[in-house]
């Protein structure tokens, strides 16, 4: 039997060896200097235009692109305290080829990232979806320190509330074609 999977939504997960303690200190210093913006964050801090050479190098080495492209990474900081979360959203821009998140600090119960089925909620009631996917309209990934998750920018996602007393810290990014 031949199986053909049409239009899959790929997600790539890469483990790194970055110095998260150093990054965490740099992020807290950055947070003191740069005002928070409000996009998908519900509570929490979101500071844009973060730069770190070690992180950018790790990002470039890990990119799951099959061809050489000219790109710029757009990077922002997320610091979510207890109760903070990121609402469901997508990164909609025709210049963005991939989006992603790198996890700097992930205390227990800090909230998972969830990716939503792009075919819509009606799929949950379809017999084939129930049989092959359990009827779920989203897939959850538990964050792990030192992990980069790459995903298509159009794929809707959210982040559950942080239930920990410690900060969940991540670097999110868009890979922009130039």
Protein backbone atom coordinates (compact mmCIF):
# COMPACT_ATOMS: atom_id res chain seq x y z
CA UNK A 1 0.00 0.00 0.00
CA UNK A 2 1.27 3.46 -0.89
CA UNK A 3 0.46 6.38 1.42
CA UNK A 4 0.49 9.97 0.24
CA UNK A 5 0.24 12.67 2.93
CA UNK A 6 -1.09 15.82 1.31
CA UNK A 7 -0.44 19.32 2.64
CA UNK A 8 1.19 18.42 5.97
CA UNK A 9 2.07 21.15 8.47
CA UNK A 10 5.67 20.41 9.43
CA UNK A 11 7.20 21.47 12.74
CA UNK A 12 10.93 21.10 13.35
CA UNK A 13 12.42 20.68 16.85
CA UNK A 14 16.14 21.21 17.43
CA UNK A 15 18.14 20.81 20.65
CA UNK A 16 20.95 23.35 21.20
CA UNK A 17 23.90 23.83 23.53
CA UNK A 18 23.40 27.57 24.18
CA UNK A 19 24.34 29.12 27.52
CA UNK A 20 20.84 29.79 28.88
CA UNK A 21 22.11 31.35 32.12
CA UNK A 22 23.97 34.00 30.09
CA UNK A 23 20.96 34.52 27.81
CA UNK A 24 18.62 34.84 30.79
CA UNK A 25 20.81 37.58 32.31
CA UNK A 26 21.00 39.39 28.96
CA UNK A 27 17.20 39.17 28.55
CA UNK A 28 16.54 40.65 32.00
CA UNK A 29 18.94 43.53 31.20
CA UNK A 30 17.20 44.02 27.84
CA UNK A 31 13.82 44.05 29.63
CA UNK A 32 14.97 46.97 31.81
CA UNK A 33 15.91 49.02 28.73
CA UNK A 34 13.22 48.19 26.13
CA UNK A 35 9.52 48.90 26.58
CA UNK A 36 7.09 46.00 26.22
CA UNK A 37 4.87 45.82 23.13
CA UNK A 38 1.44 44.23 23.05
CA UNK A 39 0.74 41.67 20.35
CA UNK A 40 -0.39 38.18 21.40
CA UNK A 41 0.84 38.49 24.97
CA UNK A 42 -1.81 38.58 27.66
CA UNK A 43 0.14 39.99 30.55
CA UNK A 44 3.85 39.37 30.43
CA UNK A 45 6.64 41.20 28.66
CA UNK A 46 7.30 41.22 24.92
CA UNK A 47 10.35 43.24 23.86
CA UNK A 48 11.35 43.53 20.20
CA UNK A 49 14.67 43.83 18.33
CA UNK A 50 16.69 41.56 20.62
CA UNK A 51 20.15 40.67 19.33
CA UNK A 52 22.52 37.95 20.50
CA UNK A 53 25.27 36.61 18.21
CA UNK A 54 25.39 33.15 19.80
CA UNK A 55 21.64 32.72 19.44
CA UNK A 56 21.65 33.97 15.83
CA UNK A 57 24.48 31.55 14.97
CA UNK A 58 22.58 28.63 16.53
CA UNK A 59 19.46 29.71 14.65
CA UNK A 60 21.31 29.85 11.32
CA UNK A 61 22.92 26.45 11.86
CA UNK A 62 19.55 24.89 12.74
CA UNK A 63 17.35 26.31 9.98
CA UNK A 64 15.41 23.51 8.27
CA UNK A 65 15.63 25.09 4.82
CA UNK A 66 16.48 22.86 1.87
CA UNK A 67 17.89 25.66 -0.23
CA UNK A 68 20.03 28.68 0.41
CA UNK A 69 18.01 31.83 0.98
CA UNK A 70 18.96 35.32 2.06
CA UNK A 71 17.18 36.15 5.28
CA UNK A 72 17.16 38.31 8.38
CA UNK A 73 15.97 37.04 11.75
CA UNK A 74 13.48 39.26 13.57
CA UNK A 75 13.79 38.35 17.27
CA UNK A 76 11.78 39.32 20.32
CA UNK A 77 11.83 38.42 24.01
CA UNK A 78 8.93 36.89 25.94
CA UNK A 79 8.91 36.87 29.74
CA UNK A 80 5.72 35.40 31.17
CA UNK A 81 5.05 35.44 34.90
CA UNK A 82 2.43 33.32 36.64
CA UNK A 83 -0.91 33.63 34.82
CA UNK A 84 0.55 35.22 31.66
CA UNK A 85 -0.04 33.60 28.28
CA UNK A 86 -0.06 34.22 24.53
CA UNK A 87 -3.42 34.23 22.74
CA UNK A 88 -4.04 32.25 19.55
CA UNK A 89 -2.43 33.93 16.55
CA UNK A 90 -0.34 33.48 13.40
CA UNK A 91 2.53 35.50 11.96
CA UNK A 92 0.99 36.69 8.73
CA UNK A 93 3.46 38.36 6.41
CA UNK A 94 4.41 37.39 2.89
CA UNK A 95 8.09 38.02 3.67
CA UNK A 96 8.25 35.51 6.56
CA UNK A 97 9.33 31.99 5.55
CA UNK A 98 9.43 30.45 9.07
CA UNK A 99 8.62 31.41 12.62
CA UNK A 100 9.73 29.87 15.85
CA UNK A 101 10.54 29.95 19.54
CA UNK A 102 13.64 29.17 21.56
CA UNK A 103 13.14 28.23 25.20
CA UNK A 104 15.55 29.86 27.67
CA UNK A 105 13.77 29.04 30.94
CA UNK A 106 10.93 26.53 31.31
CA UNK A 107 9.99 25.81 34.92
CA UNK A 108 7.56 22.97 35.56
CA UNK A 109 3.92 23.86 34.69
CA UNK A 110 4.96 26.95 32.71
CA UNK A 111 2.51 26.22 29.86
CA UNK A 112 2.78 24.37 26.57
CA UNK A 113 2.75 25.80 23.07
CA UNK A 114 -0.22 24.57 21.04
CA UNK A 115 -0.50 24.40 17.25
CA UNK A 116 -4.01 24.50 15.78
CA UNK A 117 -5.26 22.35 12.92
CA UNK A 118 -5.26 24.70 9.90
CA UNK A 119 -8.22 22.86 8.35
CA UNK A 120 -10.61 24.41 10.87
CA UNK A 121 -12.66 23.22 13.84
CA UNK A 122 -15.24 21.32 11.78
CA UNK A 123 -12.57 18.64 11.20
CA UNK A 124 -12.88 17.47 14.82
CA UNK A 125 -16.23 15.79 14.09
CA UNK A 126 -15.14 13.98 10.91
CA UNK A 127 -14.77 10.18 11.27
CA UNK A 128 -11.30 10.06 9.68
CA UNK A 129 -10.03 12.82 11.95
CA UNK A 130 -11.36 11.03 15.01
CA UNK A 131 -9.79 7.73 13.88
CA UNK A 132 -6.34 9.08 12.98
CA UNK A 133 -5.99 12.12 15.26
CA UNK A 134 -8.27 11.47 18.21
CA UNK A 135 -10.48 14.39 17.18
CA UNK A 136 -8.04 16.97 18.52
CA UNK A 137 -8.04 20.38 16.85
CA UNK A 138 -4.60 21.23 18.25
CA UNK A 139 -1.29 19.58 19.09
CA UNK A 140 0.55 20.47 22.28
CA UNK A 141 4.33 20.60 22.78
CA UNK A 142 5.79 20.86 26.27
CA UNK A 143 8.55 23.49 26.23
CA UNK A 144 12.07 22.34 27.06
CA UNK A 145 15.04 24.59 27.82
CA UNK A 146 17.56 24.71 25.00
CA UNK A 147 15.02 23.76 22.33
CA UNK A 148 14.19 25.64 19.14
CA UNK A 149 10.82 24.96 17.55
CA UNK A 150 10.44 26.07 13.91
CA UNK A 151 7.00 26.24 12.28
CA UNK A 152 5.27 27.77 9.26
CA UNK A 153 4.40 31.39 10.02
CA UNK A 154 0.76 30.87 8.96
CA UNK A 155 0.19 28.03 11.45
CA UNK A 156 -1.98 29.31 14.28
CA UNK A 157 -0.58 28.78 17.76
CA UNK A 158 -0.97 29.91 21.33
CA UNK A 159 0.82 29.40 24.65
CA UNK A 160 -1.01 28.22 27.74
CA UNK A 161 -0.91 30.28 30.94
CA UNK A 162 2.19 29.95 33.08
CA UNK A 163 1.12 28.15 36.27
CA UNK A 164 4.60 28.31 37.79
CA UNK A 165 5.81 30.91 40.28
CA UNK A 166 8.91 31.34 38.08
CA UNK A 167 9.16 33.17 34.75
CA UNK A 168 8.83 31.31 31.46
CA UNK A 169 11.42 32.94 29.16
CA UNK A 170 11.63 32.47 25.42
CA UNK A 171 12.99 34.11 22.31
CA UNK A 172 10.52 34.15 19.44
CA UNK A 173 11.46 34.94 15.89
CA UNK A 174 10.45 35.30 12.28
CA UNK A 175 12.83 34.35 9.46
CA UNK A 176 12.32 37.11 6.91
CA UNK A 177 13.32 36.70 3.26
CA UNK A 178 15.42 39.54 1.85
